[in-house]
């Protein structure tokens, strides 16, 4: 965990390659595409474009994203980095 915190401090981001396996990444991509097609609130498109600019609050509408957002490794890393408990807004 210390390595990732150092990367965050030095670069502003960290990659945790072993966090998700290939099947999970595939599932995330599939669920994102499905979520966008469904047209939930919180999907922001670029002006005059079909390009997604942002997706806000998918954890409010979809259990898959709720579970993803509650990943213990991610939460622990965020808590340590921020020095406080995090919450999803």
PDB file of N, CA and C in Angstrom:
ATOM      1  N   UNK A   1       0.831  -1.186   0.000  1.00  0.00           N
ATOM      2  CA  UNK A   1       0.000   0.000   0.000  1.00  0.00           C
ATOM      3  C   UNK A   1       0.879   1.255   0.000  1.00  0.00           C
ATOM      4  N   UNK A   2       1.985   1.190   0.700  1.00  0.00           N
ATOM      5  CA  UNK A   2       2.885   2.350   0.792  1.00  0.00           C
ATOM      6  C   UNK A   2       3.384   2.776  -0.587  1.00  0.00           C
ATOM      7  N   UNK A   3       3.671   1.806  -1.424  1.00  0.00           N
ATOM      8  CA  UNK A   3       4.135   2.108  -2.786  1.00  0.00           C
ATOM      9  C   UNK A   3       3.115   2.948  -3.545  1.00  0.00           C
ATOM     10  N   UNK A   4       1.861   2.576  -3.434  1.00  0.00           N
ATOM     11  CA  UNK A   4       0.803   3.286  -4.150  1.00  0.00           C
ATOM     12  C   UNK A   4       0.611   4.694  -3.603  1.00  0.00           C
ATOM     13  N   UNK A   5       0.731   4.832  -2.289  1.00  0.00           N
ATOM     14  CA  UNK A   5       0.648   6.165  -1.690  1.00  0.00           C
ATOM     15  C   UNK A   5       1.783   7.056  -2.168  1.00  0.00           C
ATOM     16  N   UNK A   6       2.974   6.496  -2.263  1.00  0.00           N
ATOM     17  CA  UNK A   6       4.116   7.271  -2.780  1.00  0.00           C
ATOM     18  C   UNK A   6       3.886   7.696  -4.218  1.00  0.00           C
ATOM     19  N   UNK A   7       3.360   6.780  -5.046  1.00  0.00           N
ATOM     20  CA  UNK A   7       3.059   7.120  -6.441  1.00  0.00           C
ATOM     21  C   UNK A   7       2.020   8.243  -6.514  1.00  0.00           C
ATOM     22  N   UNK A   8       0.996   8.160  -5.671  1.00  0.00           N
ATOM     23  CA  UNK A   8      -0.024   9.204  -5.642  1.00  0.00           C
ATOM     24  C   UNK A   8       0.587  10.553  -5.290  1.00  0.00           C
ATOM     25  N   UNK A   9       1.449  10.566  -4.307  1.00  0.00           N
ATOM     26  CA  UNK A   9       2.085  11.813  -3.888  1.00  0.00           C
ATOM     27  C   UNK A   9       3.025  12.367  -4.950  1.00  0.00           C
ATOM     28  N   UNK A  10       3.733  11.500  -5.642  1.00  0.00           N
ATOM     29  CA  UNK A  10       4.710  11.934  -6.643  1.00  0.00           C
ATOM     30  C   UNK A  10       4.064  12.288  -7.980  1.00  0.00           C
ATOM     31  N   UNK A  11       3.110  11.484  -8.421  1.00  0.00           N
ATOM     32  CA  UNK A  11       2.564  11.633  -9.771  1.00  0.00           C
ATOM     33  C   UNK A  11       1.121  12.118  -9.815  1.00  0.00           C
ATOM     34  N   UNK A  12       0.431  12.015  -8.705  1.00  0.00           N
ATOM     35  CA  UNK A  12      -0.978  12.384  -8.695  1.00  0.00           C
ATOM     36  C   UNK A  12      -1.903  11.235  -9.068  1.00  0.00           C
ATOM     37  N   UNK A  13      -1.340  10.076  -9.362  1.00  0.00           N
ATOM     38  CA  UNK A  13      -2.131   8.883  -9.670  1.00  0.00           C
ATOM     39  C   UNK A  13      -1.291   7.648  -9.367  1.00  0.00           C
ATOM     40  N   UNK A  14      -1.958   6.518  -9.314  1.00  0.00           N
ATOM     41  CA  UNK A  14      -1.272   5.252  -9.112  1.00  0.00           C
ATOM     42  C   UNK A  14      -2.029   4.172  -9.866  1.00  0.00           C
ATOM     43  N   UNK A  15      -1.306   3.225 -10.394  1.00  0.00           N
ATOM     44  CA  UNK A  15      -1.917   2.094 -11.076  1.00  0.00           C
ATOM     45  C   UNK A  15      -1.699   0.847 -10.226  1.00  0.00           C
ATOM     46  N   UNK A  16      -2.790   0.186  -9.912  1.00  0.00           N
ATOM     47  CA  UNK A  16      -2.716  -1.030  -9.118  1.00  0.00           C
ATOM     48  C   UNK A  16      -3.121  -2.177 -10.038  1.00  0.00           C
ATOM     49  N   UNK A  17      -2.155  -2.692 -10.762  1.00  0.00           N
ATOM     50  CA  UNK A  17      -2.419  -3.680 -11.813  1.00  0.00           C
ATOM     51  C   UNK A  17      -3.120  -4.920 -11.282  1.00  0.00           C
ATOM     52  N   UNK A  18      -2.790  -5.330 -10.088  1.00  0.00           N
ATOM     53  CA  UNK A  18      -3.364  -6.565  -9.556  1.00  0.00           C
ATOM     54  C   UNK A  18      -4.721  -6.364  -8.876  1.00  0.00           C
ATOM     55  N   UNK A  19      -5.237  -5.157  -8.882  1.00  0.00           N
ATOM     56  CA  UNK A  19      -6.503  -4.882  -8.214  1.00  0.00           C
ATOM     57  C   UNK A  19      -7.673  -5.600  -8.877  1.00  0.00           C
ATOM     58  N   UNK A  20      -7.745  -5.534 -10.202  1.00  0.00           N
ATOM     59  CA  UNK A  20      -8.828  -6.188 -10.936  1.00  0.00           C
ATOM     60  C   UNK A  20      -8.244  -7.110 -11.993  1.00  0.00           C
ATOM     61  N   UNK A  21      -8.828  -8.290 -12.118  1.00  0.00           N
ATOM     62  CA  UNK A  21      -8.375  -9.208 -13.157  1.00  0.00           C
ATOM     63  C   UNK A  21      -9.048  -8.850 -14.485  1.00  0.00           C
ATOM     64  N   UNK A  22      -8.642  -9.519 -15.547  1.00  0.00           N
ATOM     65  CA  UNK A  22      -9.138  -9.215 -16.900  1.00  0.00           C
ATOM     66  C   UNK A  22     -10.657  -9.381 -17.004  1.00  0.00           C
ATOM     67  N   UNK A  23     -11.210 -10.376 -16.329  1.00  0.00           N
ATOM     68  CA  UNK A  23     -12.664 -10.579 -16.380  1.00  0.00           C
ATOM     69  C   UNK A  23     -13.413  -9.421 -15.724  1.00  0.00           C
ATOM     70  N   UNK A  24     -12.881  -8.913 -14.630  1.00  0.00           N
ATOM     71  CA  UNK A  24     -13.521  -7.785 -13.959  1.00  0.00           C
ATOM     72  C   UNK A  24     -13.461  -6.540 -14.830  1.00  0.00           C
ATOM     73  N   UNK A  25     -12.316  -6.298 -15.455  1.00  0.00           N
ATOM     74  CA  UNK A  25     -12.173  -5.140 -16.349  1.00  0.00           C
ATOM     75  C   UNK A  25     -13.159  -5.259 -17.510  1.00  0.00           C
ATOM     76  N   UNK A  26     -13.284  -6.447 -18.055  1.00  0.00           N
ATOM     77  CA  UNK A  26     -14.234  -6.684 -19.142  1.00  0.00           C
ATOM     78  C   UNK A  26     -15.657  -6.395 -18.660  1.00  0.00           C
ATOM     79  N   UNK A  27     -15.980  -6.851 -17.455  1.00  0.00           N
ATOM     80  CA  UNK A  27     -17.307  -6.610 -16.890  1.00  0.00           C
ATOM     81  C   UNK A  27     -17.556  -5.116 -16.679  1.00  0.00           C
ATOM     82  N   UNK A  28     -16.558  -4.394 -16.214  1.00  0.00           N
ATOM     83  CA  UNK A  28     -16.698  -2.943 -16.028  1.00  0.00           C
ATOM     84  C   UNK A  28     -17.004  -2.281 -17.363  1.00  0.00           C
ATOM     85  N   UNK A  29     -16.263  -2.626 -18.388  1.00  0.00           N
ATOM     86  CA  UNK A  29     -16.496  -2.040 -19.715  1.00  0.00           C
ATOM     87  C   UNK A  29     -17.891  -2.376 -20.236  1.00  0.00           C
ATOM     88  N   UNK A  30     -18.305  -3.618 -20.077  1.00  0.00           N
ATOM     89  CA  UNK A  30     -19.643  -4.024 -20.538  1.00  0.00           C
ATOM     90  C   UNK A  30     -20.734  -3.277 -19.769  1.00  0.00           C
ATOM     91  N   UNK A  31     -20.579  -3.210 -18.449  1.00  0.00           N
ATOM     92  CA  UNK A  31     -21.581  -2.527 -17.627  1.00  0.00           C
ATOM     93  C   UNK A  31     -21.621  -1.029 -17.926  1.00  0.00           C
ATOM     94  N   UNK A  32     -20.457  -0.426 -18.171  1.00  0.00           N
ATOM     95  CA  UNK A  32     -20.443   0.996 -18.541  1.00  0.00           C
ATOM     96  C   UNK A  32     -21.205   1.230 -19.829  1.00  0.00           C
ATOM     97  N   UNK A  33     -20.947   0.415 -20.826  1.00  0.00           N
ATOM     98  CA  UNK A  33     -21.652   0.559 -22.100  1.00  0.00           C
ATOM     99  C   UNK A  33     -23.152   0.374 -21.924  1.00  0.00           C
ATOM    100  N   UNK A  34     -23.536  -0.634 -21.150  1.00  0.00           N
ATOM    101  CA  UNK A  34     -24.954  -0.886 -20.879  1.00  0.00           C
ATOM    102  C   UNK A  34     -25.569   0.293 -20.111  1.00  0.00           C
ATOM    103  N   UNK A  35     -24.847   0.790 -19.148  1.00  0.00           N
ATOM    104  CA  UNK A  35     -25.318   1.912 -18.331  1.00  0.00           C
ATOM    105  C   UNK A  35     -25.541   3.153 -19.196  1.00  0.00           C
ATOM    106  N   UNK A  36     -24.608   3.428 -20.087  1.00  0.00           N
ATOM    107  CA  UNK A  36     -24.723   4.589 -20.986  1.00  0.00           C
ATOM    108  C   UNK A  36     -25.914   4.417 -21.920  1.00  0.00           C
ATOM    109  N   UNK A  37     -26.081   3.224 -22.486  1.00  0.00           N
ATOM    110  CA  UNK A  37     -27.216   2.971 -23.387  1.00  0.00           C
ATOM    111  C   UNK A  37     -28.547   3.148 -22.675  1.00  0.00           C
ATOM    112  N   UNK A  38     -28.606   2.798 -21.400  1.00  0.00           N
ATOM    113  CA  UNK A  38     -29.844   2.898 -20.630  1.00  0.00           C
ATOM    114  C   UNK A  38     -30.239   4.357 -20.416  1.00  0.00           C
ATOM    115  N   UNK A  39     -29.258   5.242 -20.358  1.00  0.00           N
ATOM    116  CA  UNK A  39     -29.542   6.664 -20.247  1.00  0.00           C
ATOM    117  C   UNK A  39     -29.908   7.149 -18.858  1.00  0.00           C
ATOM    118  N   UNK A  40     -29.293   6.608 -17.841  1.00  0.00           N
ATOM    119  CA  UNK A  40     -29.551   7.048 -16.473  1.00  0.00           C
ATOM    120  C   UNK A  40     -29.215   8.527 -16.297  1.00  0.00           C
ATOM    121  N   UNK A  41     -29.840   9.130 -15.283  1.00  0.00           N
ATOM    122  CA  UNK A  41     -29.457  10.488 -14.898  1.00  0.00           C
ATOM    123  C   UNK A  41     -27.983  10.486 -14.532  1.00  0.00           C
ATOM    124  N   UNK A  42     -27.338  11.599 -14.734  1.00  0.00           N
ATOM    125  CA  UNK A  42     -25.931  11.711 -14.372  1.00  0.00           C
ATOM    126  C   UNK A  42     -24.977  11.461 -15.516  1.00  0.00           C
ATOM    127  N   UNK A  43     -25.485  11.039 -16.665  1.00  0.00           N
ATOM    128  CA  UNK A  43     -24.626  10.864 -17.832  1.00  0.00           C
ATOM    129  C   UNK A  43     -24.578  12.205 -18.556  1.00  0.00           C
ATOM    130  N   UNK A  44     -23.382  12.749 -18.686  1.00  0.00           N
ATOM    131  CA  UNK A  44     -23.187  14.057 -19.311  1.00  0.00           C
ATOM    132  C   UNK A  44     -22.479  13.843 -20.648  1.00  0.00           C
ATOM    133  N   UNK A  45     -23.086  14.372 -21.688  1.00  0.00           N
ATOM    134  CA  UNK A  45     -22.522  14.232 -23.031  1.00  0.00           C
ATOM    135  C   UNK A  45     -21.838  15.536 -23.445  1.00  0.00           C
ATOM    136  N   UNK A  46     -20.843  15.424 -24.291  1.00  0.00           N
ATOM    137  CA  UNK A  46     -20.228  16.602 -24.890  1.00  0.00           C
ATOM    138  C   UNK A  46     -21.287  17.311 -25.735  1.00  0.00           C
ATOM    139  N   UNK A  47     -21.214  18.614 -25.801  1.00  0.00           N
ATOM    140  CA  UNK A  47     -22.152  19.396 -26.594  1.00  0.00           C
ATOM    141  C   UNK A  47     -22.066  18.998 -28.057  1.00  0.00           C
ATOM    142  N   UNK A  48     -23.214  18.787 -28.676  1.00  0.00           N
ATOM    143  CA  UNK A  48     -23.302  18.421 -30.097  1.00  0.00           C
ATOM    144  C   UNK A  48     -22.462  17.190 -30.433  1.00  0.00           C
ATOM    145  N   UNK A  49     -22.490  16.198 -29.556  1.00  0.00           N
ATOM    146  CA  UNK A  49     -21.666  15.017 -29.768  1.00  0.00           C
ATOM    147  C   UNK A  49     -22.309  13.805 -29.093  1.00  0.00           C
ATOM    148  N   UNK A  50     -21.884  12.629 -29.499  1.00  0.00           N
ATOM    149  CA  UNK A  50     -22.296  11.386 -28.845  1.00  0.00           C
ATOM    150  C   UNK A  50     -21.228  10.898 -27.875  1.00  0.00           C
ATOM    151  N   UNK A  51     -20.287  11.776 -27.539  1.00  0.00           N
ATOM    152  CA  UNK A  51     -19.186  11.420 -26.663  1.00  0.00           C
ATOM    153  C   UNK A  51     -19.567  11.682 -25.209  1.00  0.00           C
ATOM    154  N   UNK A  52     -19.353  10.684 -24.377  1.00  0.00           N
ATOM    155  CA  UNK A  52     -19.639  10.840 -22.949  1.00  0.00           C
ATOM    156  C   UNK A  52     -18.559  11.712 -22.325  1.00  0.00           C
ATOM    157  N   UNK A  53     -19.004  12.756 -21.647  1.00  0.00           N
ATOM    158  CA  UNK A  53     -18.076  13.652 -20.962  1.00  0.00           C
ATOM    159  C   UNK A  53     -17.870  13.209 -19.518  1.00  0.00           C
ATOM    160  N   UNK A  54     -18.921  12.701 -18.896  1.00  0.00           N
ATOM    161  CA  UNK A  54     -18.820  12.254 -17.513  1.00  0.00           C
ATOM    162  C   UNK A  54     -20.005  11.390 -17.132  1.00  0.00           C
ATOM    163  N   UNK A  55     -19.786  10.594 -16.113  1.00  0.00           N
ATOM    164  CA  UNK A  55     -20.855   9.759 -15.571  1.00  0.00           C
ATOM    165  C   UNK A  55     -20.853   9.991 -14.067  1.00  0.00           C
ATOM    166  N   UNK A  56     -21.927  10.571 -13.573  1.00  0.00           N
ATOM    167  CA  UNK A  56     -22.017  10.918 -12.162  1.00  0.00           C
ATOM    168  C   UNK A  56     -23.043  10.022 -11.468  1.00  0.00           C
ATOM    169  N   UNK A  57     -22.629   9.435 -10.360  1.00  0.00           N
ATOM    170  CA  UNK A  57     -23.538   8.691  -9.508  1.00  0.00           C
ATOM    171  C   UNK A  57     -24.024   7.341  -9.986  1.00  0.00           C
ATOM    172  N   UNK A  58     -23.243   6.587 -10.749  1.00  0.00           N
ATOM    173  CA  UNK A  58     -23.760   5.284 -11.182  1.00  0.00           C
ATOM    174  C   UNK A  58     -24.045   4.347 -10.012  1.00  0.00           C
ATOM    175  N   UNK A  59     -23.364   4.557  -8.892  1.00  0.00           N
ATOM    176  CA  UNK A  59     -23.583   3.733  -7.707  1.00  0.00           C
ATOM    177  C   UNK A  59     -24.979   3.937  -7.124  1.00  0.00           C
ATOM    178  N   UNK A  60     -25.639   5.015  -7.512  1.00  0.00           N
ATOM    179  CA  UNK A  60     -26.990   5.282  -7.019  1.00  0.00           C
ATOM    180  C   UNK A  60     -28.047   4.449  -7.746  1.00  0.00           C
ATOM    181  N   UNK A  61     -27.712   3.983  -8.945  1.00  0.00           N
ATOM    182  CA  UNK A  61     -28.686   3.314  -9.800  1.00  0.00           C
ATOM    183  C   UNK A  61     -28.359   1.868 -10.103  1.00  0.00           C
ATOM    184  N   UNK A  62     -27.134   1.447  -9.801  1.00  0.00           N
ATOM    185  CA  UNK A  62     -26.701   0.128 -10.263  1.00  0.00           C
ATOM    186  C   UNK A  62     -25.857  -0.556  -9.187  1.00  0.00           C
ATOM    187  N   UNK A  63     -26.254  -1.761  -8.803  1.00  0.00           N
ATOM    188  CA  UNK A  63     -25.550  -2.505  -7.756  1.00  0.00           C
ATOM    189  C   UNK A  63     -24.113  -2.834  -8.154  1.00  0.00           C
ATOM    190  N   UNK A  64     -23.871  -3.122  -9.423  1.00  0.00           N
ATOM    191  CA  UNK A  64     -22.511  -3.421  -9.874  1.00  0.00           C
ATOM    192  C   UNK A  64     -21.576  -2.268  -9.531  1.00  0.00           C
ATOM    193  N   UNK A  65     -21.985  -1.039  -9.844  1.00  0.00           N
ATOM    194  CA  UNK A  65     -21.139   0.121  -9.581  1.00  0.00           C
ATOM    195  C   UNK A  65     -21.081   0.448  -8.090  1.00  0.00           C
ATOM    196  N   UNK A  66     -22.144   0.139  -7.365  1.00  0.00           N
ATOM    197  CA  UNK A  66     -22.137   0.312  -5.909  1.00  0.00           C
ATOM    198  C   UNK A  66     -21.078  -0.600  -5.304  1.00  0.00           C
ATOM    199  N   UNK A  67     -21.056  -1.854  -5.734  1.00  0.00           N
ATOM    200  CA  UNK A  67     -20.065  -2.803  -5.235  1.00  0.00           C
ATOM    201  C   UNK A  67     -18.655  -2.379  -5.612  1.00  0.00           C
ATOM    202  N   UNK A  68     -18.488  -1.900  -6.823  1.00  0.00           N
ATOM    203  CA  UNK A  68     -17.175  -1.453  -7.286  1.00  0.00           C
ATOM    204  C   UNK A  68     -16.687  -0.275  -6.444  1.00  0.00           C
ATOM    205  N   UNK A  69     -17.590   0.652  -6.160  1.00  0.00           N
ATOM    206  CA  UNK A  69     -17.230   1.836  -5.380  1.00  0.00           C
ATOM    207  C   UNK A  69     -16.903   1.489  -3.930  1.00  0.00           C
ATOM    208  N   UNK A  70     -17.365   0.348  -3.475  1.00  0.00           N
ATOM    209  CA  UNK A  70     -17.121  -0.070  -2.091  1.00  0.00           C
ATOM    210  C   UNK A  70     -15.943  -1.034  -1.971  1.00  0.00           C
ATOM    211  N   UNK A  71     -15.133  -1.123  -3.007  1.00  0.00           N
ATOM    212  CA  UNK A  71     -13.972  -2.010  -2.999  1.00  0.00           C
ATOM    213  C   UNK A  71     -13.053  -1.630  -1.833  1.00  0.00           C
ATOM    214  N   UNK A  72     -12.796  -2.575  -0.957  1.00  0.00           N
ATOM    215  CA  UNK A  72     -12.031  -2.316   0.260  1.00  0.00           C
ATOM    216  C   UNK A  72     -10.631  -1.792  -0.025  1.00  0.00           C
ATOM    217  N   UNK A  73      -9.960  -2.324  -1.014  1.00  0.00           N
ATOM    218  CA  UNK A  73      -8.603  -1.868  -1.330  1.00  0.00           C
ATOM    219  C   UNK A  73      -8.610  -0.402  -1.751  1.00  0.00           C
ATOM    220  N   UNK A  74      -9.562  -0.028  -2.581  1.00  0.00           N
ATOM    221  CA  UNK A  74      -9.655   1.360  -3.038  1.00  0.00           C
ATOM    222  C   UNK A  74      -9.983   2.281  -1.861  1.00  0.00           C
ATOM    223  N   UNK A  75     -10.940   1.880  -1.054  1.00  0.00           N
ATOM    224  CA  UNK A  75     -11.330   2.702   0.095  1.00  0.00           C
ATOM    225  C   UNK A  75     -10.165   2.852   1.070  1.00  0.00           C
ATOM    226  N   UNK A  76      -9.468   1.763   1.364  1.00  0.00           N
ATOM    227  CA  UNK A  76      -8.328   1.837   2.283  1.00  0.00           C
ATOM    228  C   UNK A  76      -7.251   2.780   1.755  1.00  0.00           C
ATOM    229  N   UNK A  77      -6.961   2.686   0.459  1.00  0.00           N
ATOM    230  CA  UNK A  77      -5.958   3.548  -0.142  1.00  0.00           C
ATOM    231  C   UNK A  77      -6.382   5.019  -0.048  1.00  0.00           C
ATOM    232  N   UNK A  78      -7.640   5.288  -0.371  1.00  0.00           N
ATOM    233  CA  UNK A  78      -8.150   6.667  -0.297  1.00  0.00           C
ATOM    234  C   UNK A  78      -8.113   7.198   1.129  1.00  0.00           C
ATOM    235  N   UNK A  79      -8.518   6.365   2.090  1.00  0.00           N
ATOM    236  CA  UNK A  79      -8.487   6.780   3.493  1.00  0.00           C
ATOM    237  C   UNK A  79      -7.077   7.146   3.928  1.00  0.00           C
ATOM    238  N   UNK A  80      -6.119   6.316   3.558  1.00  0.00           N
ATOM    239  CA  UNK A  80      -4.734   6.585   3.936  1.00  0.00           C
ATOM    240  C   UNK A  80      -4.206   7.832   3.235  1.00  0.00           C
ATOM    241  N   UNK A  81      -4.516   7.976   1.966  1.00  0.00           N
ATOM    242  CA  UNK A  81      -4.023   9.119   1.207  1.00  0.00           C
ATOM    243  C   UNK A  81      -4.584  10.435   1.745  1.00  0.00           C
ATOM    244  N   UNK A  82      -5.868  10.437   2.057  1.00  0.00           N
ATOM    245  CA  UNK A  82      -6.520  11.659   2.529  1.00  0.00           C
ATOM    246  C   UNK A  82      -6.383  11.865   4.034  1.00  0.00           C
ATOM    247  N   UNK A  83      -6.001  10.812   4.748  1.00  0.00           N
ATOM    248  CA  UNK A  83      -5.848  10.928   6.182  1.00  0.00           C
ATOM    249  C   UNK A  83      -7.176  11.000   6.913  1.00  0.00           C
ATOM    250  N   UNK A  84      -8.226  10.562   6.295  1.00  0.00           N
ATOM    251  CA  UNK A  84      -9.558  10.596   6.882  1.00  0.00           C
ATOM    252  C   UNK A  84     -10.417   9.572   6.157  1.00  0.00           C
ATOM    253  N   UNK A  85     -11.588   9.294   6.703  1.00  0.00           N
ATOM    254  CA  UNK A  85     -12.481   8.366   6.037  1.00  0.00           C
ATOM    255  C   UNK A  85     -13.153   9.039   4.847  1.00  0.00           C
ATOM    256  N   UNK A  86     -13.233   8.293   3.744  1.00  0.00           N
ATOM    257  CA  UNK A  86     -13.861   8.818   2.533  1.00  0.00           C
ATOM    258  C   UNK A  86     -15.309   8.379   2.474  1.00  0.00           C
ATOM    259  N   UNK A  87     -16.071   9.099   1.697  1.00  0.00           N
ATOM    260  CA  UNK A  87     -17.455   8.715   1.435  1.00  0.00           C
ATOM    261  C   UNK A  87     -17.768   9.086  -0.003  1.00  0.00           C
ATOM    262  N   UNK A  88     -18.770   8.455  -0.544  1.00  0.00           N
ATOM    263  CA  UNK A  88     -19.172   8.723  -1.922  1.00  0.00           C
ATOM    264  C   UNK A  88     -20.270   9.761  -1.896  1.00  0.00           C
ATOM    265  N   UNK A  89     -20.064  10.804  -2.656  1.00  0.00           N
ATOM    266  CA  UNK A  89     -21.032  11.899  -2.714  1.00  0.00           C
ATOM    267  C   UNK A  89     -21.932  11.704  -3.913  1.00  0.00           C
TER     268      UNK A  89
END
